[in-house]
Protein backbone atom coordinates (compact mmCIF):
# COMPACT_ATOMS: atom_id res chain seq x y z
CA MET A 1 16.32 51.81 -38.88
CA ARG A 2 13.36 53.85 -39.57
CA LYS A 3 11.05 51.09 -40.97
CA LYS A 4 12.02 49.54 -37.49
CA GLY A 5 10.75 52.59 -35.70
CA LYS A 6 7.68 53.07 -36.99
CA LYS A 7 7.74 49.18 -36.80
CA ARG A 8 7.67 49.43 -33.03
CA ALA A 9 5.59 51.99 -32.77
CA ILE A 10 2.74 50.58 -34.38
CA MET A 11 3.42 47.66 -31.92
CA VAL A 12 3.63 49.66 -29.14
CA ILE A 13 0.36 51.17 -30.09
CA VAL A 14 -1.60 47.94 -30.96
CA SER A 15 -0.16 46.20 -27.46
CA PHE A 16 -1.88 49.62 -25.95
CA ILE A 17 -5.20 49.22 -27.60
CA ALA A 18 -5.31 45.32 -27.06
CA LEU A 19 -4.31 45.81 -23.51
CA ILE A 20 -7.23 48.76 -22.64
CA SER A 21 -9.65 46.56 -24.26
CA VAL A 22 -8.84 43.27 -22.50
CA LEU A 23 -9.10 45.47 -19.29
CA GLY A 24 -12.20 46.68 -20.02
CA VAL A 25 -14.25 43.48 -20.49
CA PHE A 26 -12.41 42.28 -17.21
CA MET A 27 -13.15 45.62 -14.94
CA GLY A 28 -16.74 45.71 -16.53
CA GLY A 29 -17.40 42.18 -15.45
CA ILE A 30 -18.41 40.88 -18.70
CA VAL A 31 -16.25 38.38 -18.69
CA SER A 32 -14.89 37.33 -15.29
CA GLY A 33 -18.69 36.15 -14.25
CA LYS A 34 -19.29 38.27 -11.69
CA ASP A 35 -22.60 37.69 -11.62
CA ILE A 36 -22.53 34.15 -11.52
CA GLU A 37 -20.20 34.59 -8.73
CA LYS A 38 -22.28 37.01 -6.78
CA LYS A 39 -24.94 34.70 -6.72
CA HIS A 40 -23.22 31.60 -5.58
CA LYS A 41 -21.28 33.30 -2.82
CA ALA A 42 -24.82 34.21 -1.58
CA GLU A 43 -25.20 30.66 -1.39
CA TYR A 44 -22.08 30.18 0.63
CA ALA A 45 -21.89 27.39 3.37
CA PRO A 46 -19.03 25.75 5.01
CA ILE A 47 -19.72 22.51 2.86
CA ARG A 48 -18.83 24.72 -0.22
CA SER A 49 -15.34 24.56 0.31
CA LEU A 50 -15.46 20.23 1.13
CA MET A 51 -16.81 20.11 -2.52
CA PHE A 52 -14.25 22.37 -4.12
CA ILE A 53 -11.57 19.75 -2.88
CA ILE A 54 -13.61 16.94 -4.51
CA SER A 55 -14.05 18.95 -7.14
CA SER A 56 -10.62 19.79 -7.57
CA HIS A 57 -9.92 15.82 -7.45
CA THR A 58 -12.20 14.86 -9.64
CA SER A 59 -10.72 17.17 -11.88
CA ASN A 60 -7.36 15.51 -11.12
CA ILE A 61 -8.66 12.18 -12.47
CA LEU A 62 -9.49 13.51 -15.70
CA ASP A 63 -6.22 15.25 -16.31
CA ALA A 64 -4.61 11.44 -15.52
CA ILE A 65 -6.51 10.09 -17.70
CA MET A 66 -6.08 12.01 -20.20
CA MET A 67 -2.27 11.70 -19.85
CA GLY A 68 -2.80 7.76 -19.10
CA ASP A 69 -1.05 7.92 -15.68
CA TYR A 70 -3.20 5.22 -14.22
CA ASP A 71 -1.87 5.56 -10.38
CA SER A 72 -2.55 9.01 -10.22
CA VAL A 73 -6.05 8.16 -11.55
CA LYS A 74 -6.33 6.04 -8.39
CA LYS A 75 -5.14 7.91 -5.87
CA GLU A 76 -7.37 10.70 -7.15
CA ALA A 77 -10.91 8.61 -7.22
CA ASP A 78 -9.49 7.04 -3.50
CA ILE A 79 -9.48 11.14 -2.76
CA VAL A 80 -12.92 11.76 -3.71
CA VAL A 81 -13.86 8.25 -1.93
CA GLU A 82 -12.75 9.93 1.47
CA LYS A 83 -14.00 13.63 0.88
CA SER A 84 -16.93 12.31 -0.26
CA GLU A 85 -17.76 10.46 3.05
CA SER A 86 -16.39 12.73 4.78
CA LEU A 87 -18.93 15.41 3.53
CA LEU A 88 -21.81 13.26 4.17
CA ARG A 89 -20.59 13.35 8.51
CA SER A 90 -20.52 17.51 7.80
CA PHE A 91 -23.76 17.20 6.25
CA PHE A 92 -25.45 14.92 9.37
CA PRO A 93 -23.31 14.48 12.27
CA GLU A 94 -23.57 11.27 13.89
CA GLY A 95 -25.94 11.98 16.78
CA GLU A 96 -26.06 15.56 16.43
CA PRO A 97 -28.69 17.99 15.04
CA VAL A 98 -28.70 19.47 11.91
CA GLY A 99 -25.94 22.42 11.86
CA LYS A 100 -26.85 25.67 11.98
CA TRP A 101 -24.77 26.09 8.57
CA MET A 102 -27.94 24.31 6.75
CA GLU A 103 -29.51 27.84 6.80
CA GLY A 104 -27.05 29.42 4.21
CA SER A 105 -26.53 25.77 2.08
CA GLY A 106 -28.07 26.83 -0.62
CA ILE A 107 -30.83 23.86 -0.86
CA SER A 108 -33.74 25.95 -1.56
CA GLY A 109 -36.98 25.12 0.64
CA LEU A 110 -34.71 23.31 3.07
CA ASP A 111 -36.23 23.69 6.38
CA GLN A 112 -33.74 22.60 8.95
CA ASN A 113 -36.67 22.43 11.95
CA ASN A 114 -38.54 20.24 10.14
CA PRO A 115 -37.14 16.52 10.79
CA LYS A 116 -39.06 15.02 8.23
CA MET A 117 -37.72 17.08 5.52
CA VAL A 118 -33.99 17.06 6.90
CA GLN A 119 -34.47 13.17 6.75
CA ALA A 120 -35.16 13.16 3.20
CA VAL A 121 -33.01 15.21 2.34
CA LYS A 122 -30.12 13.19 4.65
CA GLU A 123 -31.73 9.79 2.51
CA ASP A 124 -31.04 12.21 -0.70
CA VAL A 125 -27.72 13.02 -0.08
CA GLU A 126 -26.53 9.36 1.57
CA LYS A 127 -27.93 8.20 -2.31
CA TYR A 128 -25.51 10.28 -4.10
CA ILE A 129 -22.63 10.10 -1.85
CA LEU A 130 -23.19 6.34 -2.23
CA LYS A 131 -23.24 6.71 -5.91
CA ILE A 132 -20.17 9.15 -5.98
CA THR A 133 -18.07 7.09 -3.77
CA SER A 134 -18.98 3.36 -5.65
CA SER A 135 -18.20 5.26 -9.31
CA ALA A 136 -14.73 6.42 -7.73
CA LYS A 137 -14.12 2.92 -6.56
CA LYS A 138 -15.02 1.61 -9.76
CA ILE A 139 -12.84 3.80 -11.87
CA ALA A 140 -10.13 3.61 -9.40
CA GLU A 141 -10.42 -0.56 -10.15
CA ILE A 142 -10.81 0.03 -14.12
CA SER A 143 -7.67 2.09 -13.91
CA THR A 144 -5.82 -0.72 -13.11
CA LYS A 145 -6.55 -2.33 -16.54
CA GLN A 146 -4.84 0.58 -18.10
CA ASN A 147 -7.71 0.84 -21.04
CA ILE A 148 -8.06 4.51 -21.32
CA ALA A 149 -11.54 4.62 -22.81
CA GLU A 150 -13.06 2.34 -20.47
CA THR A 151 -11.66 4.18 -17.62
CA TYR A 152 -12.71 7.47 -18.87
CA ASN A 153 -16.25 6.18 -19.46
CA SER A 154 -16.54 5.29 -16.07
CA PHE A 155 -15.75 8.61 -15.02
CA ASP A 156 -18.14 10.01 -17.11
CA LEU A 157 -20.45 8.20 -15.30
CA MET A 158 -19.87 9.24 -12.14
CA LEU A 159 -20.00 12.84 -13.64
CA ARG A 160 -23.43 12.24 -15.16
CA ASP A 161 -25.01 9.76 -12.41
CA ALA A 162 -23.68 11.36 -9.09
CA CYS A 163 -22.72 14.87 -9.70
CA PHE A 164 -25.05 16.65 -12.13
CA LYS A 165 -27.89 14.63 -11.18
CA CYS A 166 -26.96 15.92 -7.33
CA HIS A 167 -26.31 19.25 -8.47
CA GLU A 168 -29.72 19.07 -10.81
CA THR A 169 -31.39 18.49 -7.58
CA TYR A 170 -29.78 20.59 -4.93
CA ARG A 171 -28.37 23.78 -6.48
CA SER A 172 -29.99 26.76 -7.75
CA LYS A 173 -30.42 27.39 -11.69
CA TRP A 174 -27.02 28.88 -13.23
CA PRO A 175 -27.60 32.25 -14.50
CA GLU A 176 -27.87 32.76 -18.54
CA TRP A 177 -25.25 33.23 -20.07
CA PRO A 178 -24.71 37.02 -21.60
CA GLU A 179 -26.26 37.08 -25.19
CA TRP A 180 -23.51 37.89 -26.44
CA MET A 181 -21.80 34.59 -25.30
CA GLN A 182 -24.76 32.78 -26.56
CA ILE A 183 -24.64 34.23 -29.99
CA GLY A 184 -20.85 33.34 -30.37
CA GLY A 185 -21.35 30.02 -29.22
CA GLY A 186 -19.71 30.79 -26.03
C-alpha cells in the first residue's frame, strides 16, 4: 500500500511539473507563434477570410486523397473552384473601383490609386486564379480514375504552380523560425 502511495505522489509531482513546463512555453509565446500571428494580423484584409475558406477546402482535398475518398476529393475540388472564382470577384468587382480593403491587403507596394498597377495586379491574380481553378478541375477529373498517386500528383502540382507561386509573389516573407527550432529541425 505504501509503494502505491509513493508512486502516486511521484506521478502527481511529475504531472504538475510537466503542466507548468507546457504552460510556460505556451504563455511565453515560444510555441504559440505570437510573432507570426501578430505580423499577419497586421496585414488583415477581408480577402483573408475567403483565402482561409479556400485553404480549408484544399486541406480537405488532401485528407480525402489520403483516405481514398474520391467523392470527397471531387466535392472539395469543386468548392475550391467556386471559392477561387468568388475571390477574383472580391478582389476586382466588375464595373466598380477597387475597394478600400486593398490598402490593408498585405500586397506590398500596391497603390490602389495607380490604375496601371491595379490592372497589372488584376491580370496577375487572374492568372493565379485560372491556375487554381484549372488545377482543381483536373484534380476532380483525375479523382474519378481512383488512382491515389495520380490524384495526389495533380494536387501537389496545384499547390506548387498556383498556391505557392502566388503566395511568394504577394505575401510578405514569413518571419524566420526561432533559433531553437532551427537547431531541432522544427
